[in-house]
């Protein structure tokens, strides 16, 4: 692992992330580290909420997640 890289958890509580969710979360973490932010746009039903929670967990502390109602 390179300096500054963060791990993406395989599990979030009782939820086991799927491979595509871990890949997306890792990419988002990388983008946030480099650019200070990122946008996740995926089709309905692929687990965007879990991906966003995995990114949040990778950073720890407080995180703002903006999502439509």
C-alpha atoms as a PDB file:
ATOM      1  CA  UNK A   1       0.000   0.000   0.000  1.00  0.00           C
ATOM      2  CA  UNK A   2       1.275   3.455  -0.904  1.00  0.00           C
ATOM      3  CA  UNK A   3       1.481   6.267   1.609  1.00  0.00           C
ATOM      4  CA  UNK A   4      -1.858   8.023   1.910  1.00  0.00           C
ATOM      5  CA  UNK A   5      -3.886   5.060   0.638  1.00  0.00           C
ATOM      6  CA  UNK A   6      -6.806   3.961   2.781  1.00  0.00           C
ATOM      7  CA  UNK A   7      -8.311   0.518   3.179  1.00  0.00           C
ATOM      8  CA  UNK A   8     -11.896  -0.143   2.157  1.00  0.00           C
ATOM      9  CA  UNK A   9     -13.632  -2.457   4.609  1.00  0.00           C
ATOM     10  CA  UNK A  10     -14.947  -5.745   3.280  1.00  0.00           C
ATOM     11  CA  UNK A  11     -17.772  -5.630   5.832  1.00  0.00           C
ATOM     12  CA  UNK A  12     -19.955  -2.819   7.128  1.00  0.00           C
ATOM     13  CA  UNK A  13     -21.534  -4.242  10.257  1.00  0.00           C
ATOM     14  CA  UNK A  14     -23.570  -7.225   9.083  1.00  0.00           C
ATOM     15  CA  UNK A  15     -23.284  -6.246   5.408  1.00  0.00           C
ATOM     16  CA  UNK A  16     -20.660  -7.920   3.203  1.00  0.00           C
ATOM     17  CA  UNK A  17     -19.701  -5.674   0.287  1.00  0.00           C
ATOM     18  CA  UNK A  18     -19.690  -7.219  -3.175  1.00  0.00           C
ATOM     19  CA  UNK A  19     -16.550  -7.043  -5.318  1.00  0.00           C
ATOM     20  CA  UNK A  20     -17.900  -4.250  -7.554  1.00  0.00           C
ATOM     21  CA  UNK A  21     -18.870  -2.228  -4.470  1.00  0.00           C
ATOM     22  CA  UNK A  22     -15.381  -2.537  -2.969  1.00  0.00           C
ATOM     23  CA  UNK A  23     -13.817  -1.575  -6.308  1.00  0.00           C
ATOM     24  CA  UNK A  24     -16.066   1.482  -6.608  1.00  0.00           C
ATOM     25  CA  UNK A  25     -15.413   2.493  -2.991  1.00  0.00           C
ATOM     26  CA  UNK A  26     -11.639   2.173  -3.433  1.00  0.00           C
ATOM     27  CA  UNK A  27     -11.788   4.311  -6.586  1.00  0.00           C
ATOM     28  CA  UNK A  28     -13.847   6.955  -4.806  1.00  0.00           C
ATOM     29  CA  UNK A  29     -11.464   6.998  -1.843  1.00  0.00           C
ATOM     30  CA  UNK A  30      -8.588   7.520  -4.263  1.00  0.00           C
ATOM     31  CA  UNK A  31     -10.429  10.380  -6.016  1.00  0.00           C
ATOM     32  CA  UNK A  32     -11.272  12.071  -2.720  1.00  0.00           C
ATOM     33  CA  UNK A  33      -7.634  11.805  -1.617  1.00  0.00           C
ATOM     34  CA  UNK A  34      -6.391  13.350  -4.867  1.00  0.00           C
ATOM     35  CA  UNK A  35      -9.138  15.869  -5.697  1.00  0.00           C
ATOM     36  CA  UNK A  36     -10.884  16.527  -2.390  1.00  0.00           C
ATOM     37  CA  UNK A  37     -14.217  15.095  -3.547  1.00  0.00           C
ATOM     38  CA  UNK A  38     -15.916  12.652  -5.887  1.00  0.00           C
ATOM     39  CA  UNK A  39     -19.337  11.823  -7.323  1.00  0.00           C
ATOM     40  CA  UNK A  40     -20.880   8.363  -7.378  1.00  0.00           C
ATOM     41  CA  UNK A  41     -23.424   7.822 -10.170  1.00  0.00           C
ATOM     42  CA  UNK A  42     -24.607   4.238 -10.620  1.00  0.00           C
ATOM     43  CA  UNK A  43     -27.852   2.605 -11.780  1.00  0.00           C
ATOM     44  CA  UNK A  44     -30.599   1.742  -9.312  1.00  0.00           C
ATOM     45  CA  UNK A  45     -29.943  -1.362  -7.237  1.00  0.00           C
ATOM     46  CA  UNK A  46     -26.143  -1.648  -7.301  1.00  0.00           C
ATOM     47  CA  UNK A  47     -25.622  -0.582  -3.693  1.00  0.00           C
ATOM     48  CA  UNK A  48     -24.665   3.093  -3.858  1.00  0.00           C
ATOM     49  CA  UNK A  49     -25.607   3.575  -0.219  1.00  0.00           C
ATOM     50  CA  UNK A  50     -23.258   0.804   0.893  1.00  0.00           C
ATOM     51  CA  UNK A  51     -20.499   2.164  -1.356  1.00  0.00           C
ATOM     52  CA  UNK A  52     -20.900   5.631   0.164  1.00  0.00           C
ATOM     53  CA  UNK A  53     -20.857   4.162   3.671  1.00  0.00           C
ATOM     54  CA  UNK A  54     -17.665   2.236   2.862  1.00  0.00           C
ATOM     55  CA  UNK A  55     -16.015   5.446   1.643  1.00  0.00           C
ATOM     56  CA  UNK A  56     -17.143   7.219   4.800  1.00  0.00           C
ATOM     57  CA  UNK A  57     -15.758   4.413   6.970  1.00  0.00           C
ATOM     58  CA  UNK A  58     -12.411   4.575   5.133  1.00  0.00           C
ATOM     59  CA  UNK A  59     -12.015   8.221   6.134  1.00  0.00           C
ATOM     60  CA  UNK A  60     -13.479   7.979   9.620  1.00  0.00           C
ATOM     61  CA  UNK A  61     -14.708  11.056  11.405  1.00  0.00           C
ATOM     62  CA  UNK A  62     -17.591  13.089  10.018  1.00  0.00           C
ATOM     63  CA  UNK A  63     -18.631  12.800   6.385  1.00  0.00           C
ATOM     64  CA  UNK A  64     -21.360  14.533   4.379  1.00  0.00           C
ATOM     65  CA  UNK A  65     -23.262  12.316   1.957  1.00  0.00           C
ATOM     66  CA  UNK A  66     -25.758  14.213  -0.236  1.00  0.00           C
ATOM     67  CA  UNK A  67     -28.473  12.079  -1.816  1.00  0.00           C
ATOM     68  CA  UNK A  68     -31.900  12.802  -3.299  1.00  0.00           C
ATOM     69  CA  UNK A  69     -34.955  12.040  -1.179  1.00  0.00           C
END
